[in-house]
Amino acid sequence: MTPGGTPVDRLSKNENPRSGIARRTASPYRRAVQNTGSPVREPKQERSRQSFEKAVDATVSLLAERRSDAFTLAEVAQLAGVSTGSIYGRVESKTDLIRAAQARETARIREVQKAAFAPAPPEGETFEAAVARVITTLAHVLRAEAPVLSPFMRIGSDDPVVAEEGRLGFLDSVDLFSSALLARRDDIRHPDPERSVDWSFRVVYSVLARWLGLGSAPEAAGEGDWEQILADLSQMVTAFLSRPATA
């Protein structure tokens, strides 16, 4: 499943989501206006903007804590230290607030992923080490962000707006992972490098998502040793990409 609740194998490769959340500078408003029929209303005062940011922070914290949207706007307001009326002054419903929270978190995670994949590879790195590095980078991002991604995936199964936002975030991961491996195109002996790298991502993501409880079987979360799973995935993907063309 993608972070929006869409099965991984239903996305084509050409298509292009916690407690103690710190203040973010990325604004959810523009995305929310585009994605919802009842958009977030722009603040008229800085104080109003700050109050709404607190409400979004509280929403993300409750989502991560309860792994679902099983909370009320009154609980959001209490945790945020703002009035319920101030929240309704910005959004029409809890659904709109959750969508605004997801838009902000998706933007944040996008930047986290970019930063994680940005460093240049070590000089003289072997292909096997490069594959392990790319898989480990993706794994660390997913593990760190799982508390935020998990509730949005569940909500996305019923909310098409949340599902679409999650799909776009998923495709960001596809692009970063694929670009990192295709930088070693000369070492890939599979007859179709693009397809083989895309397939590798989907297998790796599915295994990691299952361990992290992000898929449709949360009861399977934590099964197996994390480091061994990363090592096995690295060996499997290296072998697959190194397979020469057959007659």
C-alpha atoms as a PDB file:
ATOM      1  CA  MET A   1       0.000   0.000   0.000  1.00  0.00           C
ATOM      2  CA  THR A   2       1.106   3.549  -0.702  1.00  0.00           C
ATOM      3  CA  PRO A   3       0.882   6.228   2.018  1.00  0.00           C
ATOM      4  CA  GLY A   4      -2.496   7.122   0.580  1.00  0.00           C
ATOM      5  CA  GLY A   5      -3.861   3.614   0.854  1.00  0.00           C
ATOM      6  CA  THR A   6      -3.446   2.691  -2.831  1.00  0.00           C
ATOM      7  CA  PRO A   7      -2.040  -0.788  -3.582  1.00  0.00           C
ATOM      8  CA  VAL A   8       1.562  -0.449  -4.785  1.00  0.00           C
ATOM      9  CA  ASP A   9       1.027  -2.647  -7.828  1.00  0.00           C
ATOM     10  CA  ARG A  10      -1.755  -0.397  -9.170  1.00  0.00           C
ATOM     11  CA  LEU A  11       0.582   2.520  -9.824  1.00  0.00           C
ATOM     12  CA  SER A  12       2.466   2.770 -13.091  1.00  0.00           C
ATOM     13  CA  LYS A  13       6.077   3.885 -12.932  1.00  0.00           C
ATOM     14  CA  ASN A  14       5.212   7.000 -14.968  1.00  0.00           C
ATOM     15  CA  GLU A  15       2.694   8.376 -12.458  1.00  0.00           C
ATOM     16  CA  ASN A  16       3.738  11.140 -10.507  1.00  0.00           C
ATOM     17  CA  PRO A  17       1.951  11.252   3.093  1.00  0.00           C
ATOM     18  CA  ARG A  18       3.908  12.320  15.745  1.00  0.00           C
ATOM     19  CA  SER A  19       4.086  13.366  18.803  1.00  0.00           C
ATOM     20  CA  GLY A  20       6.319  16.333  19.554  1.00  0.00           C
ATOM     21  CA  ILE A  21       5.873  17.878  16.142  1.00  0.00           C
ATOM     22  CA  ALA A  22       7.917  21.058  15.796  1.00  0.00           C
ATOM     23  CA  ARG A  23       6.657  24.143  13.992  1.00  0.00           C
ATOM     24  CA  ARG A  24       7.009  23.914  10.220  1.00  0.00           C
ATOM     25  CA  THR A  25       7.571  26.749   7.789  1.00  0.00           C
ATOM     26  CA  ALA A  26       5.904  24.953   4.871  1.00  0.00           C
ATOM     27  CA  SER A  27       2.381  26.247   4.366  1.00  0.00           C
ATOM     28  CA  PRO A  28      -0.478  23.774   3.892  1.00  0.00           C
ATOM     29  CA  TYR A  29      -2.909  26.421   2.730  1.00  0.00           C
ATOM     30  CA  ARG A  30      -2.292  26.481  -0.997  1.00  0.00           C
ATOM     31  CA  ARG A  31      -2.386  22.681  -1.259  1.00  0.00           C
ATOM     32  CA  ALA A  32      -5.520  22.538   0.882  1.00  0.00           C
ATOM     33  CA  VAL A  33      -7.265  25.095  -1.308  1.00  0.00           C
ATOM     34  CA  GLN A  34      -6.491  22.984  -4.364  1.00  0.00           C
ATOM     35  CA  ASN A  35      -7.392  19.644  -2.812  1.00  0.00           C
ATOM     36  CA  THR A  36     -10.597  20.239  -0.893  1.00  0.00           C
ATOM     37  CA  GLY A  37     -14.018  21.531  -1.782  1.00  0.00           C
ATOM     38  CA  SER A  38     -14.087  23.365   1.557  1.00  0.00           C
ATOM     39  CA  PRO A  39     -10.620  24.942   1.676  1.00  0.00           C
ATOM     40  CA  VAL A  40      -8.628  26.295   4.566  1.00  0.00           C
ATOM     41  CA  ARG A  41      -9.400  29.974   4.841  1.00  0.00           C
ATOM     42  CA  GLU A  42      -6.357  32.221   4.747  1.00  0.00           C
ATOM     43  CA  PRO A  43      -5.611  34.018   8.025  1.00  0.00           C
ATOM     44  CA  LYS A  44      -6.105  37.741   8.274  1.00  0.00           C
ATOM     45  CA  GLN A  45      -3.706  38.112  11.186  1.00  0.00           C
ATOM     46  CA  GLU A  46      -0.415  36.488  12.196  1.00  0.00           C
ATOM     47  CA  ARG A  47      -1.984  35.439  15.473  1.00  0.00           C
ATOM     48  CA  SER A  48      -4.653  33.533  13.581  1.00  0.00           C
ATOM     49  CA  ARG A  49      -1.995  31.797  11.498  1.00  0.00           C
ATOM     50  CA  GLN A  50      -0.081  30.753  14.597  1.00  0.00           C
ATOM     51  CA  SER A  51      -3.221  29.418  16.249  1.00  0.00           C
ATOM     52  CA  PHE A  52      -4.012  27.310  13.218  1.00  0.00           C
ATOM     53  CA  GLU A  53      -0.450  25.977  13.070  1.00  0.00           C
ATOM     54  CA  LYS A  54      -0.895  24.844  16.670  1.00  0.00           C
ATOM     55  CA  ALA A  55      -4.125  23.112  15.671  1.00  0.00           C
ATOM     56  CA  VAL A  56      -2.351  21.347  12.789  1.00  0.00           C
ATOM     57  CA  ASP A  57       0.466  20.296  15.130  1.00  0.00           C
ATOM     58  CA  ALA A  58      -2.090  18.892  17.563  1.00  0.00           C
ATOM     59  CA  THR A  59      -3.886  17.071  14.750  1.00  0.00           C
ATOM     60  CA  VAL A  60      -0.685  15.365  13.633  1.00  0.00           C
ATOM     61  CA  SER A  61       0.140  14.391  17.220  1.00  0.00           C
ATOM     62  CA  LEU A  62      -3.310  12.854  17.760  1.00  0.00           C
ATOM     63  CA  LEU A  63      -3.154  11.022  14.443  1.00  0.00           C
ATOM     64  CA  ALA A  64       0.221   9.537  15.358  1.00  0.00           C
ATOM     65  CA  GLU A  65      -0.873   8.655  18.893  1.00  0.00           C
ATOM     66  CA  ARG A  66      -4.139   6.966  17.903  1.00  0.00           C
ATOM     67  CA  ARG A  67      -3.090   5.760  14.437  1.00  0.00           C
ATOM     68  CA  SER A  68      -6.481   6.908  13.132  1.00  0.00           C
ATOM     69  CA  ASP A  69      -8.824   9.888  13.026  1.00  0.00           C
ATOM     70  CA  ALA A  70     -10.619   8.767  16.196  1.00  0.00           C
ATOM     71  CA  PHE A  71     -10.588  12.145  17.914  1.00  0.00           C
ATOM     72  CA  THR A  72     -12.709  15.277  17.966  1.00  0.00           C
ATOM     73  CA  LEU A  73     -12.014  18.885  17.123  1.00  0.00           C
ATOM     74  CA  ALA A  74     -12.576  19.651  20.793  1.00  0.00           C
ATOM     75  CA  GLU A  75      -9.646  17.362  21.634  1.00  0.00           C
ATOM     76  CA  VAL A  76      -7.526  19.088  18.985  1.00  0.00           C
ATOM     77  CA  ALA A  77      -8.378  22.476  20.452  1.00  0.00           C
ATOM     78  CA  GLN A  78      -7.577  21.362  23.984  1.00  0.00           C
ATOM     79  CA  LEU A  79      -4.207  19.907  23.011  1.00  0.00           C
ATOM     80  CA  ALA A  80      -3.345  22.941  20.893  1.00  0.00           C
ATOM     81  CA  GLY A  81      -4.435  25.414  23.537  1.00  0.00           C
ATOM     82  CA  VAL A  82      -6.773  27.208  21.145  1.00  0.00           C
ATOM     83  CA  SER A  83     -10.533  27.585  20.945  1.00  0.00           C
ATOM     84  CA  THR A  84     -12.707  25.282  18.871  1.00  0.00           C
ATOM     85  CA  GLY A  85     -14.189  28.417  17.315  1.00  0.00           C
ATOM     86  CA  SER A  86     -10.776  29.492  16.032  1.00  0.00           C
ATOM     87  CA  ILE A  87     -10.447  26.165  14.213  1.00  0.00           C
ATOM     88  CA  TYR A  88     -13.908  26.459  12.676  1.00  0.00           C
ATOM     89  CA  GLY A  89     -12.912  29.940  11.595  1.00  0.00           C
ATOM     90  CA  ARG A  90     -10.330  28.337   9.319  1.00  0.00           C
ATOM     91  CA  VAL A  91     -11.900  25.033   8.218  1.00  0.00           C
ATOM     92  CA  GLU A  92     -15.393  23.629   7.854  1.00  0.00           C
ATOM     93  CA  SER A  93     -14.721  20.209   9.367  1.00  0.00           C
ATOM     94  CA  LYS A  94     -12.261  17.785  10.911  1.00  0.00           C
ATOM     95  CA  THR A  95     -11.833  16.248   7.472  1.00  0.00           C
ATOM     96  CA  ASP A  96     -10.510  19.545   6.092  1.00  0.00           C
ATOM     97  CA  LEU A  97      -8.179  19.911   9.066  1.00  0.00           C
ATOM     98  CA  ILE A  98      -6.776  16.413   8.528  1.00  0.00           C
ATOM     99  CA  ARG A  99      -6.266  17.130   4.823  1.00  0.00           C
ATOM    100  CA  ALA A 100      -4.423  20.360   5.665  1.00  0.00           C
ATOM    101  CA  ALA A 101      -2.253  18.453   8.150  1.00  0.00           C
ATOM    102  CA  GLN A 102      -1.444  15.841   5.542  1.00  0.00           C
ATOM    103  CA  ALA A 103      -0.541  18.488   2.947  1.00  0.00           C
ATOM    104  CA  ARG A 104       1.927  20.034   5.374  1.00  0.00           C
ATOM    105  CA  GLU A 105       3.405  16.711   6.448  1.00  0.00           C
ATOM    106  CA  THR A 106       3.740  15.491   2.869  1.00  0.00           C
ATOM    107  CA  ALA A 107       5.678  18.637   2.000  1.00  0.00           C
ATOM    108  CA  ARG A 108       7.894  18.170   5.055  1.00  0.00           C
ATOM    109  CA  ILE A 109       8.578  14.499   4.340  1.00  0.00           C
ATOM    110  CA  ARG A 110       9.361  15.370   0.733  1.00  0.00           C
ATOM    111  CA  GLU A 111      12.146  17.667   1.935  1.00  0.00           C
ATOM    112  CA  VAL A 112      13.360  15.068   4.439  1.00  0.00           C
ATOM    113  CA  GLN A 113      13.637  12.507   1.652  1.00  0.00           C
ATOM    114  CA  LYS A 114      15.446  14.879  -0.666  1.00  0.00           C
ATOM    115  CA  ALA A 115      17.974  15.670   2.036  1.00  0.00           C
ATOM    116  CA  ALA A 116      18.448  11.973   2.831  1.00  0.00           C
ATOM    117  CA  PHE A 117      19.197  11.062  -0.781  1.00  0.00           C
ATOM    118  CA  ALA A 118      21.226  14.205  -1.534  1.00  0.00           C
ATOM    119  CA  PRO A 119      24.740  13.271  -0.291  1.00  0.00           C
ATOM    120  CA  ALA A 120      27.159  12.141  -2.980  1.00  0.00           C
ATOM    121  CA  PRO A 121      28.057   8.432  -2.852  1.00  0.00           C
ATOM    122  CA  PRO A 122      31.419   7.480  -1.373  1.00  0.00           C
ATOM    123  CA  GLU A 123      34.291   7.408  -3.823  1.00  0.00           C
ATOM    124  CA  GLY A 124      34.954   3.925  -5.150  1.00  0.00           C
ATOM    125  CA  GLU A 125      31.663   2.542  -3.831  1.00  0.00           C
ATOM    126  CA  THR A 126      30.839  -0.917  -5.179  1.00  0.00           C
ATOM    127  CA  PHE A 127      27.495  -1.581  -6.819  1.00  0.00           C
ATOM    128  CA  GLU A 128      26.473  -3.884  -3.971  1.00  0.00           C
ATOM    129  CA  ALA A 129      27.296  -1.164  -1.445  1.00  0.00           C
ATOM    130  CA  ALA A 130      25.387   1.398  -3.507  1.00  0.00           C
ATOM    131  CA  VAL A 131      22.271  -0.777  -3.519  1.00  0.00           C
ATOM    132  CA  ALA A 132      22.541  -1.274   0.241  1.00  0.00           C
ATOM    133  CA  ARG A 133      22.975   2.467   0.780  1.00  0.00           C
ATOM    134  CA  VAL A 134      19.903   3.368  -1.291  1.00  0.00           C
ATOM    135  CA  ILE A 135      17.710   0.767   0.394  1.00  0.00           C
ATOM    136  CA  THR A 136      18.931   1.793   3.846  1.00  0.00           C
ATOM    137  CA  THR A 137      18.255   5.463   3.089  1.00  0.00           C
ATOM    138  CA  LEU A 138      14.669   4.734   2.109  1.00  0.00           C
ATOM    139  CA  ALA A 139      14.227   2.446   5.112  1.00  0.00           C
ATOM    140  CA  HIS A 140      15.433   5.036   7.599  1.00  0.00           C
ATOM    141  CA  VAL A 141      13.091   7.691   6.219  1.00  0.00           C
ATOM    142  CA  LEU A 142      10.092   5.357   6.279  1.00  0.00           C
ATOM    143  CA  ARG A 143      10.871   4.177   9.798  1.00  0.00           C
ATOM    144  CA  ALA A 144      11.234   7.714  11.111  1.00  0.00           C
ATOM    145  CA  GLU A 145       8.028   8.879   9.443  1.00  0.00           C
ATOM    146  CA  ALA A 146       5.907   5.766  10.020  1.00  0.00           C
ATOM    147  CA  PRO A 147       3.949   7.282  12.941  1.00  0.00           C
ATOM    148  CA  VAL A 148       2.742  10.042  10.594  1.00  0.00           C
ATOM    149  CA  LEU A 149       2.299   7.935   7.461  1.00  0.00           C
ATOM    150  CA  SER A 150       0.333   5.118   9.092  1.00  0.00           C
ATOM    151  CA  PRO A 151      -2.838   7.034  10.041  1.00  0.00           C
ATOM    152  CA  PHE A 152      -2.984   8.805   6.690  1.00  0.00           C
ATOM    153  CA  MET A 153      -2.785   5.439   4.919  1.00  0.00           C
ATOM    154  CA  ARG A 154      -5.753   4.190   6.923  1.00  0.00           C
ATOM    155  CA  ILE A 155      -7.760   7.350   6.351  1.00  0.00           C
ATOM    156  CA  GLY A 156      -6.888   7.257   2.642  1.00  0.00           C
ATOM    157  CA  SER A 157      -8.813   4.021   2.198  1.00  0.00           C
ATOM    158  CA  ASP A 158     -11.998   6.075   2.678  1.00  0.00           C
ATOM    159  CA  ASP A 159     -10.933   9.585   1.640  1.00  0.00           C
ATOM    160  CA  PRO A 160      -9.892   9.995  -2.016  1.00  0.00           C
ATOM    161  CA  VAL A 161      -8.241  13.373  -1.339  1.00  0.00           C
ATOM    162  CA  VAL A 162      -5.992  11.866   1.326  1.00  0.00           C
ATOM    163  CA  ALA A 163      -5.341   8.892  -0.949  1.00  0.00           C
ATOM    164  CA  GLU A 164      -4.243  11.128  -3.812  1.00  0.00           C
ATOM    165  CA  GLU A 165      -1.929  13.180  -1.611  1.00  0.00           C
ATOM    166  CA  GLY A 166      -0.400   9.974  -0.314  1.00  0.00           C
ATOM    167  CA  ARG A 167       0.021   8.634  -3.842  1.00  0.00           C
ATOM    168  CA  LEU A 168       1.972  11.727  -4.848  1.00  0.00           C
ATOM    169  CA  GLY A 169       4.212  11.390  -1.817  1.00  0.00           C
ATOM    170  CA  PHE A 170       4.780   7.729  -2.658  1.00  0.00           C
ATOM    171  CA  LEU A 171       5.806   8.646  -6.185  1.00  0.00           C
ATOM    172  CA  ASP A 172       8.353  11.100  -4.812  1.00  0.00           C
ATOM    173  CA  SER A 173       9.947   8.116  -3.076  1.00  0.00           C
ATOM    174  CA  VAL A 174       9.873   6.105  -6.312  1.00  0.00           C
ATOM    175  CA  ASP A 175      11.674   8.896  -8.168  1.00  0.00           C
ATOM    176  CA  LEU A 176      14.401   9.395  -5.551  1.00  0.00           C
ATOM    177  CA  PHE A 177      15.066   5.681  -5.127  1.00  0.00           C
ATOM    178  CA  SER A 178      15.085   5.050  -8.880  1.00  0.00           C
ATOM    179  CA  SER A 179      17.315   8.004  -9.686  1.00  0.00           C
ATOM    180  CA  ALA A 180      19.840   6.903  -7.073  1.00  0.00           C
ATOM    181  CA  LEU A 181      20.087   3.381  -8.491  1.00  0.00           C
ATOM    182  CA  LEU A 182      19.968   4.419 -12.149  1.00  0.00           C
ATOM    183  CA  ALA A 183      23.009   6.582 -11.478  1.00  0.00           C
ATOM    184  CA  ARG A 184      24.765   3.186 -11.554  1.00  0.00           C
ATOM    185  CA  ARG A 185      23.172   2.218 -14.846  1.00  0.00           C
ATOM    186  CA  ASP A 186      26.449   0.819 -16.202  1.00  0.00           C
ATOM    187  CA  ASP A 187      26.428  -1.769 -13.402  1.00  0.00           C
ATOM    188  CA  ILE A 188      22.849  -2.879 -14.063  1.00  0.00           C
ATOM    189  CA  ARG A 189      22.882  -5.893 -16.358  1.00  0.00           C
ATOM    190  CA  HIS A 190      19.140  -6.463 -16.383  1.00  0.00           C
ATOM    191  CA  PRO A 191      17.865  -5.920 -19.951  1.00  0.00           C
ATOM    192  CA  ASP A 192      15.396  -3.227 -18.836  1.00  0.00           C
ATOM    193  CA  PRO A 193      17.085  -1.031 -16.199  1.00  0.00           C
ATOM    194  CA  GLU A 194      14.122   1.312 -15.628  1.00  0.00           C
ATOM    195  CA  ARG A 195      11.592  -1.451 -15.156  1.00  0.00           C
ATOM    196  CA  SER A 196      13.904  -3.535 -12.986  1.00  0.00           C
ATOM    197  CA  VAL A 197      14.687  -0.596 -10.687  1.00  0.00           C
ATOM    198  CA  ASP A 198      11.002   0.322 -10.441  1.00  0.00           C
ATOM    199  CA  TRP A 199      10.138  -3.283  -9.571  1.00  0.00           C
ATOM    200  CA  SER A 200      12.927  -3.336  -6.994  1.00  0.00           C
ATOM    201  CA  PHE A 201      11.483  -0.268  -5.291  1.00  0.00           C
ATOM    202  CA  ARG A 202       8.010  -1.766  -5.077  1.00  0.00           C
ATOM    203  CA  VAL A 203       9.280  -4.998  -3.552  1.00  0.00           C
ATOM    204  CA  VAL A 204      11.505  -3.151  -1.069  1.00  0.00           C
ATOM    205  CA  TYR A 205       8.738  -0.729  -0.137  1.00  0.00           C
ATOM    206  CA  SER A 206       6.205  -3.522   0.369  1.00  0.00           C
ATOM    207  CA  VAL A 207       8.524  -5.446   2.698  1.00  0.00           C
ATOM    208  CA  LEU A 208       9.452  -2.351   4.707  1.00  0.00           C
ATOM    209  CA  ALA A 209       5.845  -1.147   4.907  1.00  0.00           C
ATOM    210  CA  ARG A 210       4.730  -4.523   6.237  1.00  0.00           C
ATOM    211  CA  TRP A 211       7.412  -4.467   8.952  1.00  0.00           C
ATOM    212  CA  LEU A 212       6.464  -0.913   9.896  1.00  0.00           C
ATOM    213  CA  GLY A 213       2.744  -1.694  10.020  1.00  0.00           C
ATOM    214  CA  LEU A 214       1.949   0.632   7.125  1.00  0.00           C
ATOM    215  CA  GLY A 215       0.088  -1.893   5.011  1.00  0.00           C
ATOM    216  CA  SER A 216      -3.140  -3.824   5.247  1.00  0.00           C
ATOM    217  CA  ALA A 217      -1.744  -6.246   7.850  1.00  0.00           C
ATOM    218  CA  PRO A 218      -0.642  -4.135  10.849  1.00  0.00           C
ATOM    219  CA  GLU A 219      -0.512  -7.256  12.990  1.00  0.00           C
ATOM    220  CA  ALA A 220       2.603  -8.275  11.015  1.00  0.00           C
ATOM    221  CA  ALA A 221       4.518  -5.187  12.135  1.00  0.00           C
ATOM    222  CA  GLY A 222       7.914  -5.915  13.619  1.00  0.00           C
ATOM    223  CA  GLU A 223       8.147  -9.505  12.364  1.00  0.00           C
ATOM    224  CA  GLY A 224      11.782 -10.405  11.764  1.00  0.00           C
ATOM    225  CA  ASP A 225      15.039  -8.606  12.495  1.00  0.00           C
ATOM    226  CA  TRP A 226      15.148  -5.121  10.907  1.00  0.00           C
ATOM    227  CA  GLU A 227      18.867  -5.155  10.070  1.00  0.00           C
ATOM    228  CA  GLN A 228      18.670  -8.657   8.628  1.00  0.00           C
ATOM    229  CA  ILE A 229      15.717  -7.658   6.478  1.00  0.00           C
ATOM    230  CA  LEU A 230      17.710  -4.720   5.074  1.00  0.00           C
ATOM    231  CA  ALA A 231      20.657  -6.998   4.361  1.00  0.00           C
ATOM    232  CA  ASP A 232      18.444  -9.588   2.643  1.00  0.00           C
ATOM    233  CA  LEU A 233      16.716  -6.916   0.532  1.00  0.00           C
ATOM    234  CA  SER A 234      20.072  -5.503  -0.518  1.00  0.00           C
ATOM    235  CA  GLN A 235      21.358  -8.898  -1.590  1.00  0.00           C
ATOM    236  CA  MET A 236      18.147  -9.703  -3.444  1.00  0.00           C
ATOM    237  CA  VAL A 237      18.039  -6.409  -5.349  1.00  0.00           C
ATOM    238  CA  THR A 238      21.749  -6.563  -6.188  1.00  0.00           C
ATOM    239  CA  ALA A 239      21.329 -10.062  -7.610  1.00  0.00           C
ATOM    240  CA  PHE A 240      18.234  -9.095  -9.570  1.00  0.00           C
ATOM    241  CA  LEU A 241      19.754  -5.972 -11.111  1.00  0.00           C
ATOM    242  CA  SER A 242      23.007  -7.790 -11.880  1.00  0.00           C
ATOM    243  CA  ARG A 243      21.280 -10.541 -13.815  1.00  0.00           C
ATOM    244  CA  PRO A 244      22.478 -10.499 -17.432  1.00  0.00           C
ATOM    245  CA  ALA A 245      20.128 -10.660 -20.380  1.00  0.00           C
ATOM    246  CA  THR A 246      19.054 -14.169 -21.313  1.00  0.00           C
ATOM    247  CA  ALA A 247      18.560 -15.506 -24.800  1.00  0.00           C
END
